[in-house]
Structures are given as structure tokens and as C-alpha cells.
Amino acid sequence: MKILMVEDNKSVSEMMSMFFQKEAWDAHFAYDGNEAVEAFSVDPESWDIITLDLNLPGLDGMQVAQKIRELSKTVPIIMLTARDSESDQVLGLELGADDYVTKPFSPITLIARIKALHRRAELIDEQVEAAEENLQQAAENSDFDVQTTHFKLSSKTRETYLLDKPILDLTPKEFDLLKTLAKNPRQVFSREQLLELVWDYQYFGDERTVDAHIKKLRQKIEKVGPQVIQTVWGVGYKFDDSDAARE
């Protein structure tokens, strides 16, 4: 952890330096407000925690907090001050502090507060990253109008994927047949229904057309993964990829 401690009392800084070393943290010290802003602004993203005294020469702690928040909206700030009035605490929090410790404080307590605040910041970062990843995945999948557990299909690009592997060389009718089945997972279609939906009665009465296309479609699916078109004996066919990842 990389910490910037802004504290004009050098004896306090020296004491905390020993505790930071024990935690193997990379601690840097600034002794007035201007020095603190200058140190932070060199690389705002590199800091993990700021501990900030309110009573500082030059810029005071409130002004430093404002300037730090202009450079980083997320770096955690713990205010350290001898002031114990509620108005000072509220003002510090309103200016962007995340926590407040009143002097005199126990170094062990401050270390615990730093750890807790750092864990909270890491958790927020993880949640933000997960949300961004979900948004990215949603954007990547936005062109797929048919999606099941392990299968996706785009009518726009005429692409189909099983377990993220492309099913290649589908004829127009094979694609339409697969789309019809996959749009309704585990629903059983009779040959007559498939003739009506896919061929629009073009081959009405010739159920062997459905069987022939199913056979070719299965051969192409099996090149990339397990069979997801199942025969329901005496009835017809259905699409089911719920167990595809296990095979």
C-alpha cells in the first residue's frame, strides 16, 4: 500500500513511520498543505490512502482535501485533527474525506482504520470492474438475437456459436432451422411444424426434407461441440444445450 501522510507534527510522522514500516507499506510524508498537493499531483493514481491533518501551514487540510478531490474522486482520505467539533467533522466529510480520526489517536487504531478503508476501496474497485465487464459483455452480445446457456446466434451477421466456437458453413435453410429450434429451447417441434416454420410449405408433405437437414446440421454442430439437437422419438426434434459444457 502506498500512503501519503500529511502531518506538520514531525514526532507524529516519525512514530507512524515505524508502524507503516512494520506493515511493509510505502509511506511518504508531507509537512504542509502545498507540499502535500504537489506530492499527490505528480501521480494521483499511484496513491492508495491519504491521511490528512486539518491544522497545516500553508494550505489547511480542508483546502488540501478540495484540491486532492479535484485530481482524484476515489482515493480514500482519512482526516486527522485535534478538533472534535461536529461541524468540522461534517465539513471534512463534505469536502471529500472518507473517515475521521480525532487526535490524540492510537497508532494501532489508525492502522486498523486504514486497512478497513483500503479494503472498502478495493471492494468498490472490484464492483466497478465487474460492472464494466458486464457492460462490455452485453455490448459484445448485443448483435445476438438468440442466446441460450451455451449458444448464441445473430440473424444480422448469420453467425452461430456453441461454447464460443463458430458453427461454420451453414446453408440458409440449416441456419433458419437451427434458429427456429434454438429460439425455443427444449420445446419439441414436429416435422410438420418445422416444414411450416422454416420452409413455409415449400416442401409440404415431404418430412424427409427435415430429417435430411437435421442430419447435416448435426454433423456441422458436432465439429465444434456436443450435440444440442435431440430427437424426441415419435414426435420430432428439440434444441437443448443445458448440459453442453459437461460433455
Protein backbone atom coordinates (compact mmCIF):
# COMPACT_ATOMS: atom_id res chain seq x y z
CA MET A 1 0.00 0.00 0.00
CA LYS A 2 1.29 3.48 -0.86
CA ILE A 3 0.34 6.10 1.74
CA LEU A 4 0.71 9.88 1.77
CA MET A 5 0.63 11.17 5.36
CA VAL A 6 0.13 14.93 5.56
CA GLU A 7 1.16 15.93 9.07
CA ASP A 8 3.06 19.01 10.28
CA ASN A 9 4.00 17.39 13.62
CA LYS A 10 7.21 15.50 12.80
CA SER A 11 7.12 13.48 16.01
CA VAL A 12 3.73 12.06 14.98
CA SER A 13 5.07 11.33 11.49
CA GLU A 14 8.15 9.59 12.90
CA MET A 15 6.01 7.48 15.22
CA MET A 16 3.66 6.45 12.41
CA SER A 17 6.62 5.77 10.13
CA MET A 18 7.62 2.87 12.39
CA PHE A 19 4.13 1.38 12.26
CA PHE A 20 3.97 1.79 8.49
CA GLN A 21 7.33 0.04 8.13
CA LYS A 22 6.06 -2.84 10.27
CA GLU A 23 3.16 -3.25 7.81
CA ALA A 24 5.64 -3.05 4.90
CA TRP A 25 3.73 -0.06 3.47
CA ASP A 26 5.32 2.54 1.19
CA ALA A 27 4.80 5.71 3.25
CA HIS A 28 5.57 9.27 2.15
CA PHE A 29 5.29 12.35 4.37
CA ALA A 30 4.35 15.96 3.64
CA TYR A 31 4.63 18.63 6.32
CA ASP A 32 2.49 21.43 4.87
CA GLY A 33 -0.50 21.78 2.57
CA ASN A 34 1.35 22.96 -0.52
CA GLU A 35 3.87 20.14 -0.26
CA ALA A 36 1.03 17.64 0.05
CA VAL A 37 -0.78 18.85 -3.08
CA GLU A 38 2.48 18.92 -5.02
CA ALA A 39 3.40 15.36 -3.97
CA PHE A 40 -0.06 13.99 -4.75
CA SER A 41 -0.37 15.72 -8.13
CA VAL A 42 2.77 14.06 -9.53
CA ASP A 43 0.87 10.77 -9.96
CA PRO A 44 -2.64 10.85 -8.42
CA GLU A 45 -3.45 7.26 -9.45
CA SER A 46 -0.46 5.82 -7.57
CA TRP A 47 -1.73 6.60 -4.06
CA ASP A 48 -3.81 4.11 -2.07
CA ILE A 49 -4.58 6.17 1.07
CA ILE A 50 -4.20 9.79 2.24
CA THR A 51 -4.07 10.66 5.94
CA LEU A 52 -4.61 14.40 6.23
CA ASP A 53 -4.20 16.68 9.24
CA LEU A 54 -6.55 19.68 9.28
CA ASN A 55 -4.16 22.08 11.03
CA LEU A 56 -1.42 22.66 8.45
CA PRO A 57 0.82 25.58 7.48
CA GLY A 58 0.27 26.94 4.01
CA LEU A 59 -2.94 25.39 2.71
CA ASP A 60 -5.01 23.94 5.55
CA GLY A 61 -6.41 20.43 5.50
CA MET A 62 -9.79 21.48 4.11
CA GLN A 63 -8.15 23.22 1.16
CA VAL A 64 -5.85 20.25 0.56
CA ALA A 65 -8.85 17.88 0.58
CA GLN A 66 -10.58 20.05 -2.03
CA LYS A 67 -7.56 20.06 -4.32
CA ILE A 68 -6.99 16.32 -3.93
CA ARG A 69 -10.62 15.67 -4.84
CA GLU A 70 -10.19 17.79 -7.97
CA LEU A 71 -7.39 15.41 -9.00
CA SER A 72 -8.95 12.15 -7.81
CA LYS A 73 -12.56 11.37 -6.96
CA THR A 74 -11.76 7.95 -5.49
CA VAL A 75 -8.54 7.98 -3.41
CA PRO A 76 -9.55 7.35 0.22
CA ILE A 77 -8.87 10.22 2.65
CA ILE A 78 -8.71 9.95 6.45
CA MET A 79 -8.83 13.31 8.24
CA LEU A 80 -6.58 13.66 11.35
CA THR A 81 -7.24 16.60 13.62
CA ALA A 82 -7.22 17.85 17.18
CA ARG A 83 -10.58 19.46 16.51
CA ASP A 84 -13.54 17.48 17.80
CA SER A 85 -16.44 19.73 16.86
CA GLU A 86 -19.21 18.15 14.88
CA SER A 87 -19.18 20.99 12.33
CA ASP A 88 -15.52 20.36 11.47
CA GLN A 89 -16.19 16.65 11.04
CA VAL A 90 -19.18 17.27 8.79
CA LEU A 91 -17.29 19.86 6.73
CA GLY A 92 -14.35 17.47 6.29
CA LEU A 93 -16.64 14.69 5.10
CA GLU A 94 -18.49 17.06 2.77
CA LEU A 95 -15.18 18.11 1.21
CA GLY A 96 -14.41 14.50 0.35
CA ALA A 97 -12.92 12.79 3.39
CA ASP A 98 -13.93 9.15 3.81
CA ASP A 99 -13.16 8.80 7.51
CA TYR A 100 -12.30 10.97 10.51
CA VAL A 101 -9.87 10.30 13.39
CA THR A 102 -9.53 12.73 16.29
CA LYS A 103 -6.18 13.39 17.94
CA PRO A 104 -4.71 12.10 20.12
CA PHE A 105 -5.14 8.74 18.44
CA SER A 106 -3.76 5.26 18.93
CA PRO A 107 -1.41 4.25 16.08
CA ILE A 108 -2.91 0.75 16.18
CA THR A 109 -6.39 2.23 15.77
CA LEU A 110 -5.26 4.36 12.84
CA ILE A 111 -3.63 1.33 11.18
CA ALA A 112 -6.89 -0.61 11.59
CA ARG A 113 -8.93 2.26 10.11
CA ILE A 114 -6.52 2.50 7.16
CA LYS A 115 -6.83 -1.24 6.49
CA ALA A 116 -10.62 -1.12 6.71
CA LEU A 117 -10.85 1.85 4.36
CA HIS A 118 -8.43 0.23 1.91
CA ARG A 119 -10.47 -2.99 1.89
CA ARG A 120 -13.63 -0.99 1.21
CA ALA A 121 -11.94 0.86 -1.66
CA GLU A 122 -10.70 -2.40 -3.17
CA LEU A 123 -14.21 -3.88 -2.95
CA ILE A 124 -15.66 -0.85 -4.73
CA ASP A 125 -12.98 -1.16 -7.44
CA GLU A 126 -13.86 -4.82 -7.92
CA GLN A 127 -17.56 -3.97 -8.19
CA VAL A 128 -16.83 -1.24 -10.74
CA GLU A 129 -14.63 -3.60 -12.78
CA ALA A 130 -17.34 -6.28 -12.70
CA ALA A 131 -19.97 -3.78 -13.83
CA GLU A 132 -17.73 -2.58 -16.67
CA GLU A 133 -17.07 -6.17 -17.70
CA ASN A 134 -20.80 -6.92 -17.72
CA LEU A 135 -21.45 -3.83 -19.84
CA GLN A 136 -18.70 -4.85 -22.25
CA GLN A 137 -20.08 -8.36 -22.50
CA ALA A 138 -23.57 -7.00 -23.06
CA ALA A 139 -22.23 -4.79 -25.85
CA GLU A 140 -20.43 -7.74 -27.41
CA ASN A 141 -23.59 -9.81 -27.27
CA SER A 142 -25.93 -7.06 -28.47
CA ASP A 143 -25.89 -8.36 -32.04
CA PHE A 144 -27.01 -11.83 -30.96
CA ASP A 145 -30.79 -12.05 -31.04
CA VAL A 146 -30.88 -15.70 -29.91
CA GLN A 147 -28.91 -16.65 -26.78
CA THR A 148 -29.20 -19.71 -24.60
CA THR A 149 -26.95 -21.23 -21.95
CA HIS A 150 -24.06 -22.08 -24.28
CA PHE A 151 -25.31 -20.97 -27.69
CA LYS A 152 -25.79 -17.65 -29.47
CA LEU A 153 -26.97 -16.68 -32.93
CA SER A 154 -27.02 -13.43 -34.87
CA SER A 155 -29.60 -13.01 -37.60
CA LYS A 156 -27.81 -9.85 -38.69
CA THR A 157 -24.44 -11.49 -39.36
CA ARG A 158 -25.75 -15.05 -39.87
CA GLU A 159 -23.25 -16.26 -37.26
CA THR A 160 -23.78 -19.04 -34.74
CA TYR A 161 -21.61 -20.06 -31.77
CA LEU A 162 -21.69 -23.08 -29.48
CA LEU A 163 -19.45 -22.83 -26.39
CA ASP A 164 -18.00 -19.68 -28.06
CA LYS A 165 -16.88 -21.72 -31.09
CA PRO A 166 -18.36 -20.81 -34.50
CA ILE A 167 -20.54 -23.33 -36.31
CA LEU A 168 -19.35 -22.91 -39.88
CA ASP A 169 -20.68 -23.43 -43.41
CA LEU A 170 -24.38 -23.48 -42.59
CA THR A 171 -26.67 -23.26 -45.57
CA PRO A 172 -29.54 -20.72 -45.38
CA LYS A 173 -32.06 -23.43 -44.53
CA GLU A 174 -29.77 -25.04 -41.94
CA PHE A 175 -29.33 -21.64 -40.30
CA ASP A 176 -33.08 -20.98 -40.27
CA LEU A 177 -33.76 -24.46 -38.92
CA LEU A 178 -31.23 -24.02 -36.10
CA LYS A 179 -32.62 -20.58 -35.28
CA THR A 180 -36.18 -21.89 -35.10
CA LEU A 181 -35.21 -24.63 -32.67
CA ALA A 182 -32.82 -22.51 -30.56
CA LYS A 183 -35.35 -19.68 -30.13
CA ASN A 184 -37.47 -22.13 -28.17
CA PRO A 185 -35.08 -24.29 -26.11
CA ARG A 186 -36.45 -27.70 -25.05
CA GLN A 187 -39.65 -27.15 -26.99
CA VAL A 188 -40.44 -30.17 -29.18
CA PHE A 189 -41.28 -29.43 -32.83
CA SER A 190 -42.89 -31.95 -35.11
CA ARG A 191 -41.60 -32.33 -38.67
CA GLU A 192 -44.82 -30.76 -39.93
CA GLN A 193 -44.28 -27.70 -37.72
CA LEU A 194 -40.70 -27.30 -38.92
CA LEU A 195 -41.81 -27.57 -42.55
CA GLU A 196 -44.31 -24.81 -41.93
CA LEU A 197 -41.96 -22.53 -39.97
CA VAL A 198 -38.75 -22.97 -41.96
CA TRP A 199 -39.90 -23.93 -45.45
CA ASP A 200 -43.25 -22.12 -45.43
CA TYR A 201 -44.96 -25.16 -47.01
CA GLN A 202 -42.44 -25.17 -49.87
CA TYR A 203 -41.90 -28.89 -49.31
CA PHE A 204 -45.18 -29.60 -47.56
CA GLY A 205 -45.77 -33.27 -47.09
CA ASP A 206 -42.15 -34.33 -47.55
CA GLU A 207 -40.96 -34.84 -43.97
CA ARG A 208 -37.73 -36.46 -45.19
CA THR A 209 -36.54 -32.95 -46.08
CA VAL A 210 -36.50 -32.07 -42.36
CA ASP A 211 -34.62 -35.26 -41.44
CA ALA A 212 -32.01 -34.69 -44.13
CA HIS A 213 -31.33 -31.11 -42.99
CA ILE A 214 -31.22 -32.14 -39.32
CA LYS A 215 -28.63 -34.80 -40.18
CA LYS A 216 -26.36 -32.30 -41.99
CA LEU A 217 -26.87 -29.69 -39.28
CA ARG A 218 -25.87 -32.16 -36.58
CA GLN A 219 -22.69 -33.04 -38.45
CA LYS A 220 -21.65 -29.39 -38.51
CA ILE A 221 -22.55 -28.85 -34.85
CA GLU A 222 -20.53 -31.89 -33.78
CA LYS A 223 -17.39 -30.35 -35.27
CA VAL A 224 -17.38 -27.71 -32.51
CA GLY A 225 -19.13 -29.33 -29.56
CA PRO A 226 -21.70 -31.77 -28.20
CA GLN A 227 -24.97 -32.47 -29.96
CA VAL A 228 -27.66 -29.98 -28.96
CA ILE A 229 -30.39 -31.08 -31.38
CA GLN A 230 -32.16 -34.03 -29.86
CA THR A 231 -34.65 -36.47 -31.35
CA VAL A 232 -37.89 -36.97 -29.46
CA TRP A 233 -38.99 -40.34 -30.76
CA GLY A 234 -42.41 -40.39 -32.33
CA VAL A 235 -42.75 -36.61 -32.16
CA GLY A 236 -39.90 -34.62 -33.72
CA TYR A 237 -36.88 -32.57 -32.61
CA LYS A 238 -35.85 -30.13 -29.90
CA PHE A 239 -32.87 -27.88 -29.04
CA ASP A 240 -31.28 -28.34 -25.60
CA ASP A 241 -27.80 -27.09 -24.71
CA SER A 242 -28.20 -27.09 -20.93
CA ASP A 243 -25.67 -29.91 -20.50
CA ALA A 244 -23.38 -28.93 -23.35
CA ALA A 245 -20.47 -27.85 -21.13
CA ARG A 246 -20.39 -31.20 -19.33
CA GLU A 247 -19.81 -33.31 -22.40
